[in-house]
Amino acid sequence: MPITASAKKAMRQTKTRNAQNAKRKEAYKKLISSYRKSVADAKFEDAKKIIPDIYKALDKAAKTNAIAKNKSARMKSRIAKLTKRK
């Protein structure tokens, strides 16, 4: 357990940041899974409507350093590639 005031504050900040990062990661993961499910079920119109939301969630996660910028770019690229394939 932290003893100094600065260590206590750092622990509070870490807890808050972990919660925010988890929320952002969960947001894009849910969208990607629903997108992949739509593609698997051959519901391509529904899948195409989800793409802007996925991009927004990935950009937000990368902007706030919840995930790396290259990971965001790679995931967006794979989504686009999957869209073109179908």
PDB file of N, CA and C in Angstrom:
ATOM      1  N   MET A   1       0.846  -1.186   0.000  1.00  0.00           N
ATOM      2  CA  MET A   1       0.000   0.000   0.000  1.00  0.00           C
ATOM      3  C   MET A   1       0.889   1.246   0.000  1.00  0.00           C
ATOM      4  N   PRO A   2       0.444   2.269  -0.711  1.00  0.00           N
ATOM      5  CA  PRO A   2       1.229   3.500  -0.751  1.00  0.00           C
ATOM      6  C   PRO A   2       1.217   4.203   0.602  1.00  0.00           C
ATOM      7  N   ILE A   3       2.319   4.847   0.868  1.00  0.00           N
ATOM      8  CA  ILE A   3       2.453   5.543   2.151  1.00  0.00           C
ATOM      9  C   ILE A   3       2.402   7.054   1.956  1.00  0.00           C
ATOM     10  N   THR A   4       3.159   7.547   1.013  1.00  0.00           N
ATOM     11  CA  THR A   4       3.217   8.994   0.801  1.00  0.00           C
ATOM     12  C   THR A   4       1.972   9.484   0.067  1.00  0.00           C
ATOM     13  N   ALA A   5       1.729  10.766   0.184  1.00  0.00           N
ATOM     14  CA  ALA A   5       0.553  11.367  -0.455  1.00  0.00           C
ATOM     15  C   ALA A   5       0.647  11.257  -1.964  1.00  0.00           C
ATOM     16  N   SER A   6       1.856  11.445  -2.490  1.00  0.00           N
ATOM     17  CA  SER A   6       2.019  11.380  -3.948  1.00  0.00           C
ATOM     18  C   SER A   6       1.782   9.961  -4.461  1.00  0.00           C
ATOM     19  N   ALA A   7       2.193   8.964  -3.699  1.00  0.00           N
ATOM     20  CA  ALA A   7       1.969   7.572  -4.090  1.00  0.00           C
ATOM     21  C   ALA A   7       0.485   7.229  -4.035  1.00  0.00           C
ATOM     22  N   LYS A   8      -0.220   7.782  -3.041  1.00  0.00           N
ATOM     23  CA  LYS A   8      -1.668   7.558  -2.952  1.00  0.00           C
ATOM     24  C   LYS A   8      -2.390   8.178  -4.140  1.00  0.00           C
ATOM     25  N   LYS A   9      -1.968   9.387  -4.506  1.00  0.00           N
ATOM     26  CA  LYS A   9      -2.571  10.054  -5.653  1.00  0.00           C
ATOM     27  C   LYS A   9      -2.280   9.275  -6.937  1.00  0.00           C
ATOM     28  N   ALA A  10      -1.063   8.794  -7.083  1.00  0.00           N
ATOM     29  CA  ALA A  10      -0.686   8.016  -8.263  1.00  0.00           C
ATOM     30  C   ALA A  10      -1.538   6.751  -8.370  1.00  0.00           C
ATOM     31  N   MET A  11      -1.824   6.138  -7.239  1.00  0.00           N
ATOM     32  CA  MET A  11      -2.656   4.941  -7.241  1.00  0.00           C
ATOM     33  C   MET A  11      -4.084   5.271  -7.680  1.00  0.00           C
ATOM     34  N   ARG A  12      -4.605   6.406  -7.216  1.00  0.00           N
ATOM     35  CA  ARG A  12      -5.945   6.825  -7.632  1.00  0.00           C
ATOM     36  C   ARG A  12      -5.979   7.098  -9.135  1.00  0.00           C
ATOM     37  N   GLN A  13      -4.945   7.763  -9.629  1.00  0.00           N
ATOM     38  CA  GLN A  13      -4.890   8.078 -11.055  1.00  0.00           C
ATOM     39  C   GLN A  13      -4.817   6.806 -11.894  1.00  0.00           C
ATOM     40  N   THR A  14      -4.014   5.863 -11.457  1.00  0.00           N
ATOM     41  CA  THR A  14      -3.864   4.596 -12.172  1.00  0.00           C
ATOM     42  C   THR A  14      -5.189   3.855 -12.237  1.00  0.00           C
ATOM     43  N   LYS A  15      -5.904   3.845 -11.129  1.00  0.00           N
ATOM     44  CA  LYS A  15      -7.197   3.157 -11.080  1.00  0.00           C
ATOM     45  C   LYS A  15      -8.182   3.779 -12.065  1.00  0.00           C
ATOM     46  N   THR A  16      -8.223   5.108 -12.090  1.00  0.00           N
ATOM     47  CA  THR A  16      -9.117   5.821 -13.011  1.00  0.00           C
ATOM     48  C   THR A  16      -8.741   5.559 -14.455  1.00  0.00           C
ATOM     49  N   ARG A  17      -7.447   5.646 -14.759  1.00  0.00           N
ATOM     50  CA  ARG A  17      -6.978   5.445 -16.130  1.00  0.00           C
ATOM     51  C   ARG A  17      -7.227   4.027 -16.602  1.00  0.00           C
ATOM     52  N   ASN A  18      -7.016   3.043 -15.721  1.00  0.00           N
ATOM     53  CA  ASN A  18      -7.274   1.649 -16.088  1.00  0.00           C
ATOM     54  C   ASN A  18      -8.744   1.453 -16.440  1.00  0.00           C
ATOM     55  N   ALA A  19      -9.625   2.080 -15.685  1.00  0.00           N
ATOM     56  CA  ALA A  19     -11.060   1.957 -15.947  1.00  0.00           C
ATOM     57  C   ALA A  19     -11.414   2.584 -17.292  1.00  0.00           C
ATOM     58  N   GLN A  20     -10.854   3.760 -17.582  1.00  0.00           N
ATOM     59  CA  GLN A  20     -11.135   4.429 -18.856  1.00  0.00           C
ATOM     60  C   GLN A  20     -10.595   3.617 -20.031  1.00  0.00           C
ATOM     61  N   ASN A  21      -9.376   3.100 -19.884  1.00  0.00           N
ATOM     62  CA  ASN A  21      -8.778   2.301 -20.954  1.00  0.00           C
ATOM     63  C   ASN A  21      -9.588   1.031 -21.209  1.00  0.00           C
ATOM     64  N   ALA A  22     -10.028   0.390 -20.140  1.00  0.00           N
ATOM     65  CA  ALA A  22     -10.823  -0.828 -20.287  1.00  0.00           C
ATOM     66  C   ALA A  22     -12.136  -0.527 -21.006  1.00  0.00           C
ATOM     67  N   LYS A  23     -12.734   0.608 -20.689  1.00  0.00           N
ATOM     68  CA  LYS A  23     -13.991   1.002 -21.332  1.00  0.00           C
ATOM     69  C   LYS A  23     -13.792   1.225 -22.833  1.00  0.00           C
ATOM     70  N   ARG A  24     -12.710   1.887 -23.185  1.00  0.00           N
ATOM     71  CA  ARG A  24     -12.431   2.160 -24.599  1.00  0.00           C
ATOM     72  C   ARG A  24     -12.099   0.887 -25.362  1.00  0.00           C
ATOM     73  N   LYS A  25     -11.346  -0.001 -24.743  1.00  0.00           N
ATOM     74  CA  LYS A  25     -11.005  -1.269 -25.390  1.00  0.00           C
ATOM     75  C   LYS A  25     -12.257  -2.118 -25.596  1.00  0.00           C
ATOM     76  N   GLU A  26     -13.093  -2.158 -24.594  1.00  0.00           N
ATOM     77  CA  GLU A  26     -14.334  -2.940 -24.681  1.00  0.00           C
ATOM     78  C   GLU A  26     -15.219  -2.403 -25.797  1.00  0.00           C
ATOM     79  N   ALA A  27     -15.232  -1.080 -25.971  1.00  0.00           N
ATOM     80  CA  ALA A  27     -16.075  -0.462 -26.997  1.00  0.00           C
ATOM     81  C   ALA A  27     -15.696  -0.952 -28.383  1.00  0.00           C
ATOM     82  N   TYR A  28     -14.403  -0.908 -28.733  1.00  0.00           N
ATOM     83  CA  TYR A  28     -14.042  -1.328 -30.088  1.00  0.00           C
ATOM     84  C   TYR A  28     -14.101  -2.838 -30.248  1.00  0.00           C
ATOM     85  N   LYS A  29     -13.860  -3.581 -29.184  1.00  0.00           N
ATOM     86  CA  LYS A  29     -13.934  -5.038 -29.284  1.00  0.00           C
ATOM     87  C   LYS A  29     -15.364  -5.502 -29.552  1.00  0.00           C
ATOM     88  N   LYS A  30     -16.347  -4.869 -28.889  1.00  0.00           N
ATOM     89  CA  LYS A  30     -17.744  -5.226 -29.120  1.00  0.00           C
ATOM     90  C   LYS A  30     -18.149  -4.923 -30.563  1.00  0.00           C
ATOM     91  N   LEU A  31     -17.733  -3.756 -31.045  1.00  0.00           N
ATOM     92  CA  LEU A  31     -18.074  -3.366 -32.413  1.00  0.00           C
ATOM     93  C   LEU A  31     -17.450  -4.309 -33.433  1.00  0.00           C
ATOM     94  N   ILE A  32     -16.192  -4.664 -33.223  1.00  0.00           N
ATOM     95  CA  ILE A  32     -15.523  -5.562 -34.165  1.00  0.00           C
ATOM     96  C   ILE A  32     -16.167  -6.936 -34.152  1.00  0.00           C
ATOM     97  N   SER A  33     -16.532  -7.420 -32.980  1.00  0.00           N
ATOM     98  CA  SER A  33     -17.165  -8.740 -32.929  1.00  0.00           C
ATOM     99  C   SER A  33     -18.533  -8.720 -33.597  1.00  0.00           C
ATOM    100  N   SER A  34     -19.297  -7.639 -33.428  1.00  0.00           N
ATOM    101  CA  SER A  34     -20.596  -7.563 -34.094  1.00  0.00           C
ATOM    102  C   SER A  34     -20.413  -7.432 -35.603  1.00  0.00           C
ATOM    103  N   TYR A  35     -19.355  -6.731 -36.024  1.00  0.00           N
ATOM    104  CA  TYR A  35     -19.055  -6.602 -37.453  1.00  0.00           C
ATOM    105  C   TYR A  35     -18.725  -7.970 -38.046  1.00  0.00           C
ATOM    106  N   ARG A  36     -17.844  -8.699 -37.388  1.00  0.00           N
ATOM    107  CA  ARG A  36     -17.451 -10.024 -37.898  1.00  0.00           C
ATOM    108  C   ARG A  36     -18.636 -10.984 -37.921  1.00  0.00           C
ATOM    109  N   LYS A  37     -19.508 -10.860 -36.935  1.00  0.00           N
ATOM    110  CA  LYS A  37     -20.696 -11.710 -36.905  1.00  0.00           C
ATOM    111  C   LYS A  37     -21.619 -11.374 -38.080  1.00  0.00           C
ATOM    112  N   SER A  38     -21.769 -10.088 -38.372  1.00  0.00           N
ATOM    113  CA  SER A  38     -22.598  -9.665 -39.495  1.00  0.00           C
ATOM    114  C   SER A  38     -22.034 -10.177 -40.817  1.00  0.00           C
ATOM    115  N   VAL A  39     -20.721 -10.102 -40.956  1.00  0.00           N
ATOM    116  CA  VAL A  39     -20.082 -10.585 -42.179  1.00  0.00           C
ATOM    117  C   VAL A  39     -20.252 -12.097 -42.299  1.00  0.00           C
ATOM    118  N   ALA A  40     -20.103 -12.803 -41.201  1.00  0.00           N
ATOM    119  CA  ALA A  40     -20.250 -14.258 -41.219  1.00  0.00           C
ATOM    120  C   ALA A  40     -21.681 -14.670 -41.570  1.00  0.00           C
ATOM    121  N   ASP A  41     -22.657 -13.859 -41.140  1.00  0.00           N
ATOM    122  CA  ASP A  41     -24.057 -14.162 -41.432  1.00  0.00           C
ATOM    123  C   ASP A  41     -24.511 -13.602 -42.773  1.00  0.00           C
ATOM    124  N   ALA A  42     -23.569 -13.052 -43.546  1.00  0.00           N
ATOM    125  CA  ALA A  42     -23.828 -12.480 -44.871  1.00  0.00           C
ATOM    126  C   ALA A  42     -24.774 -11.282 -44.818  1.00  0.00           C
ATOM    127  N   LYS A  43     -24.723 -10.530 -43.730  1.00  0.00           N
ATOM    128  CA  LYS A  43     -25.504  -9.290 -43.604  1.00  0.00           C
ATOM    129  C   LYS A  43     -24.563  -8.120 -43.886  1.00  0.00           C
ATOM    130  N   PHE A  44     -24.228  -7.943 -45.165  1.00  0.00           N
ATOM    131  CA  PHE A  44     -23.188  -6.992 -45.541  1.00  0.00           C
ATOM    132  C   PHE A  44     -23.627  -5.547 -45.384  1.00  0.00           C
ATOM    133  N   GLU A  45     -24.902  -5.267 -45.531  1.00  0.00           N
ATOM    134  CA  GLU A  45     -25.383  -3.893 -45.346  1.00  0.00           C
ATOM    135  C   GLU A  45     -25.248  -3.470 -43.887  1.00  0.00           C
ATOM    136  N   ASP A  46     -25.593  -4.368 -42.973  1.00  0.00           N
ATOM    137  CA  ASP A  46     -25.439  -4.076 -41.549  1.00  0.00           C
ATOM    138  C   ASP A  46     -23.961  -3.891 -41.199  1.00  0.00           C
ATOM    139  N   ALA A  47     -23.119  -4.725 -41.794  1.00  0.00           N
ATOM    140  CA  ALA A  47     -21.685  -4.653 -41.519  1.00  0.00           C
ATOM    141  C   ALA A  47     -21.109  -3.316 -41.977  1.00  0.00           C
ATOM    142  N   LYS A  48     -21.536  -2.852 -43.140  1.00  0.00           N
ATOM    143  CA  LYS A  48     -21.011  -1.591 -43.664  1.00  0.00           C
ATOM    144  C   LYS A  48     -21.430  -0.397 -42.807  1.00  0.00           C
ATOM    145  N   LYS A  49     -22.581  -0.497 -42.152  1.00  0.00           N
ATOM    146  CA  LYS A  49     -23.041   0.585 -41.281  1.00  0.00           C
ATOM    147  C   LYS A  49     -22.220   0.668 -39.993  1.00  0.00           C
ATOM    148  N   ILE A  50     -21.628  -0.447 -39.594  1.00  0.00           N
ATOM    149  CA  ILE A  50     -20.864  -0.502 -38.355  1.00  0.00           C
ATOM    150  C   ILE A  50     -19.446   0.066 -38.534  1.00  0.00           C
ATOM    151  N   ILE A  51     -18.930   0.045 -39.745  1.00  0.00           N
ATOM    152  CA  ILE A  51     -17.535   0.430 -39.999  1.00  0.00           C
ATOM    153  C   ILE A  51     -17.177   1.817 -39.455  1.00  0.00           C
ATOM    154  N   PRO A  52     -17.964   2.879 -39.718  1.00  0.00           N
ATOM    155  CA  PRO A  52     -17.577   4.196 -39.169  1.00  0.00           C
ATOM    156  C   PRO A  52     -17.493   4.215 -37.637  1.00  0.00           C
ATOM    157  N   ASP A  53     -18.367   3.459 -36.995  1.00  0.00           N
ATOM    158  CA  ASP A  53     -18.324   3.384 -35.534  1.00  0.00           C
ATOM    159  C   ASP A  53     -17.056   2.675 -35.048  1.00  0.00           C
ATOM    160  N   ILE A  54     -16.654   1.635 -35.786  1.00  0.00           N
ATOM    161  CA  ILE A  54     -15.425   0.922 -35.439  1.00  0.00           C
ATOM    162  C   ILE A  54     -14.231   1.858 -35.570  1.00  0.00           C
ATOM    163  N   TYR A  55     -14.175   2.575 -36.691  1.00  0.00           N
ATOM    164  CA  TYR A  55     -13.058   3.499 -36.914  1.00  0.00           C
ATOM    165  C   TYR A  55     -13.003   4.555 -35.817  1.00  0.00           C
ATOM    166  N   LYS A  56     -14.168   5.070 -35.443  1.00  0.00           N
ATOM    167  CA  LYS A  56     -14.222   6.101 -34.399  1.00  0.00           C
ATOM    168  C   LYS A  56     -13.710   5.555 -33.070  1.00  0.00           C
ATOM    169  N   ALA A  57     -14.155   4.357 -32.711  1.00  0.00           N
ATOM    170  CA  ALA A  57     -13.741   3.752 -31.449  1.00  0.00           C
ATOM    171  C   ALA A  57     -12.239   3.457 -31.442  1.00  0.00           C
ATOM    172  N   LEU A  58     -11.719   2.957 -32.566  1.00  0.00           N
ATOM    173  CA  LEU A  58     -10.289   2.668 -32.652  1.00  0.00           C
ATOM    174  C   LEU A  58      -9.460   3.949 -32.583  1.00  0.00           C
ATOM    175  N   ASP A  59      -9.910   4.993 -33.275  1.00  0.00           N
ATOM    176  CA  ASP A  59      -9.188   6.265 -33.240  1.00  0.00           C
ATOM    177  C   ASP A  59      -9.186   6.855 -31.834  1.00  0.00           C
ATOM    178  N   LYS A  60     -10.302   6.752 -31.150  1.00  0.00           N
ATOM    179  CA  LYS A  60     -10.400   7.278 -29.785  1.00  0.00           C
ATOM    180  C   LYS A  60      -9.470   6.507 -28.846  1.00  0.00           C
ATOM    181  N   ALA A  61      -9.437   5.187 -29.004  1.00  0.00           N
ATOM    182  CA  ALA A  61      -8.564   4.371 -28.159  1.00  0.00           C
ATOM    183  C   ALA A  61      -7.095   4.683 -28.432  1.00  0.00           C
ATOM    184  N   ALA A  62      -6.742   4.900 -29.701  1.00  0.00           N
ATOM    185  CA  ALA A  62      -5.359   5.220 -30.042  1.00  0.00           C
ATOM    186  C   ALA A  62      -4.989   6.623 -29.569  1.00  0.00           C
ATOM    187  N   LYS A  63      -5.925   7.548 -29.700  1.00  0.00           N
ATOM    188  CA  LYS A  63      -5.667   8.936 -29.292  1.00  0.00           C
ATOM    189  C   LYS A  63      -5.376   9.027 -27.797  1.00  0.00           C
ATOM    190  N   THR A  64      -6.071   8.253 -27.018  1.00  0.00           N
ATOM    191  CA  THR A  64      -5.908   8.294 -25.567  1.00  0.00           C
ATOM    192  C   THR A  64      -4.895   7.262 -25.059  1.00  0.00           C
ATOM    193  N   ASN A  65      -4.162   6.635 -25.984  1.00  0.00           N
ATOM    194  CA  ASN A  65      -3.117   5.654 -25.666  1.00  0.00           C
ATOM    195  C   ASN A  65      -3.642   4.417 -24.950  1.00  0.00           C
ATOM    196  N   ALA A  66      -4.905   4.086 -25.156  1.00  0.00           N
ATOM    197  CA  ALA A  66      -5.420   2.826 -24.629  1.00  0.00           C
ATOM    198  C   ALA A  66      -4.841   1.670 -25.446  1.00  0.00           C
ATOM    199  N   ILE A  67      -4.630   1.923 -26.748  1.00  0.00           N
ATOM    200  CA  ILE A  67      -3.942   0.983 -27.623  1.00  0.00           C
ATOM    201  C   ILE A  67      -2.927   1.778 -28.445  1.00  0.00           C
ATOM    202  N   ALA A  68      -1.996   1.081 -29.050  1.00  0.00           N
ATOM    203  CA  ALA A  68      -0.976   1.746 -29.864  1.00  0.00           C
ATOM    204  C   ALA A  68      -1.588   2.221 -31.181  1.00  0.00           C
ATOM    205  N   LYS A  69      -1.022   3.279 -31.739  1.00  0.00           N
ATOM    206  CA  LYS A  69      -1.521   3.834 -32.996  1.00  0.00           C
ATOM    207  C   LYS A  69      -1.390   2.833 -34.139  1.00  0.00           C
ATOM    208  N   ASN A  70      -0.304   2.082 -34.159  1.00  0.00           N
ATOM    209  CA  ASN A  70      -0.122   1.090 -35.221  1.00  0.00           C
ATOM    210  C   ASN A  70      -1.124  -0.051 -35.094  1.00  0.00           C
ATOM    211  N   LYS A  71      -1.491  -0.404 -33.882  1.00  0.00           N
ATOM    212  CA  LYS A  71      -2.495  -1.448 -33.694  1.00  0.00           C
ATOM    213  C   LYS A  71      -3.840  -0.983 -34.241  1.00  0.00           C
ATOM    214  N   SER A  72      -4.162   0.270 -33.979  1.00  0.00           N
ATOM    215  CA  SER A  72      -5.398   0.847 -34.495  1.00  0.00           C
ATOM    216  C   SER A  72      -5.398   0.816 -36.024  1.00  0.00           C
ATOM    217  N   ALA A  73      -4.295   1.246 -36.617  1.00  0.00           N
ATOM    218  CA  ALA A  73      -4.182   1.271 -38.075  1.00  0.00           C
ATOM    219  C   ALA A  73      -4.273  -0.141 -38.651  1.00  0.00           C
ATOM    220  N   ARG A  74      -3.640  -1.094 -38.004  1.00  0.00           N
ATOM    221  CA  ARG A  74      -3.660  -2.478 -38.474  1.00  0.00           C
ATOM    222  C   ARG A  74      -5.073  -3.049 -38.430  1.00  0.00           C
ATOM    223  N   MET A  75      -5.790  -2.768 -37.352  1.00  0.00           N
ATOM    224  CA  MET A  75      -7.153  -3.286 -37.223  1.00  0.00           C
ATOM    225  C   MET A  75      -8.078  -2.662 -38.260  1.00  0.00           C
ATOM    226  N   LYS A  76      -7.930  -1.353 -38.489  1.00  0.00           N
ATOM    227  CA  LYS A  76      -8.752  -0.681 -39.500  1.00  0.00           C
ATOM    228  C   LYS A  76      -8.451  -1.251 -40.877  1.00  0.00           C
ATOM    229  N   SER A  77      -7.186  -1.524 -41.140  1.00  0.00           N
ATOM    230  CA  SER A  77      -6.794  -2.097 -42.422  1.00  0.00           C
ATOM    231  C   SER A  77      -7.409  -3.481 -42.615  1.00  0.00           C
ATOM    232  N   ARG A  78      -7.408  -4.272 -41.584  1.00  0.00           N
ATOM    233  CA  ARG A  78      -7.974  -5.625 -41.684  1.00  0.00           C
ATOM    234  C   ARG A  78      -9.491  -5.582 -41.870  1.00  0.00           C
ATOM    235  N   ILE A  79     -10.134  -4.616 -41.224  1.00  0.00           N
ATOM    236  CA  ILE A  79     -11.580  -4.463 -41.396  1.00  0.00           C
ATOM    237  C   ILE A  79     -11.885  -4.087 -42.839  1.00  0.00           C
ATOM    238  N   ALA A  80     -11.117  -3.132 -43.381  1.00  0.00           N
ATOM    239  CA  ALA A  80     -11.324  -2.701 -44.761  1.00  0.00           C
ATOM    240  C   ALA A  80     -11.073  -3.851 -45.734  1.00  0.00           C
ATOM    241  N   LYS A  81     -10.038  -4.625 -45.441  1.00  0.00           N
ATOM    242  CA  LYS A  81      -9.690  -5.762 -46.301  1.00  0.00           C
ATOM    243  C   LYS A  81     -10.817  -6.799 -46.284  1.00  0.00           C
ATOM    244  N   LEU A  82     -11.367  -7.057 -45.116  1.00  0.00           N
ATOM    245  CA  LEU A  82     -12.460  -8.016 -44.981  1.00  0.00           C
ATOM    246  C   LEU A  82     -13.705  -7.526 -45.727  1.00  0.00           C
ATOM    247  N   THR A  83     -13.925  -6.209 -45.697  1.00  0.00           N
ATOM    248  CA  THR A  83     -15.072  -5.631 -46.387  1.00  0.00           C
ATOM    249  C   THR A  83     -14.937  -5.803 -47.882  1.00  0.00           C
ATOM    250  N   LYS A  84     -13.751  -5.569 -48.421  1.00  0.00           N
ATOM    251  CA  LYS A  84     -13.527  -5.691 -49.857  1.00  0.00           C
ATOM    252  C   LYS A  84     -13.630  -7.145 -50.321  1.00  0.00           C
ATOM    253  N   ARG A  85     -13.217  -8.063 -49.483  1.00  0.00           N
ATOM    254  CA  ARG A  85     -13.211  -9.473 -49.853  1.00  0.00           C
ATOM    255  C   ARG A  85     -14.619 -10.007 -50.068  1.00  0.00           C
ATOM    256  N   LYS A  86     -15.571  -9.481 -49.301  1.00  0.00           N
ATOM    257  CA  LYS A  86     -16.948 -10.009 -49.372  1.00  0.00           C
ATOM    258  C   LYS A  86     -17.777  -9.309 -50.387  1.00  0.00           C
TER     259      LYS A  86
END
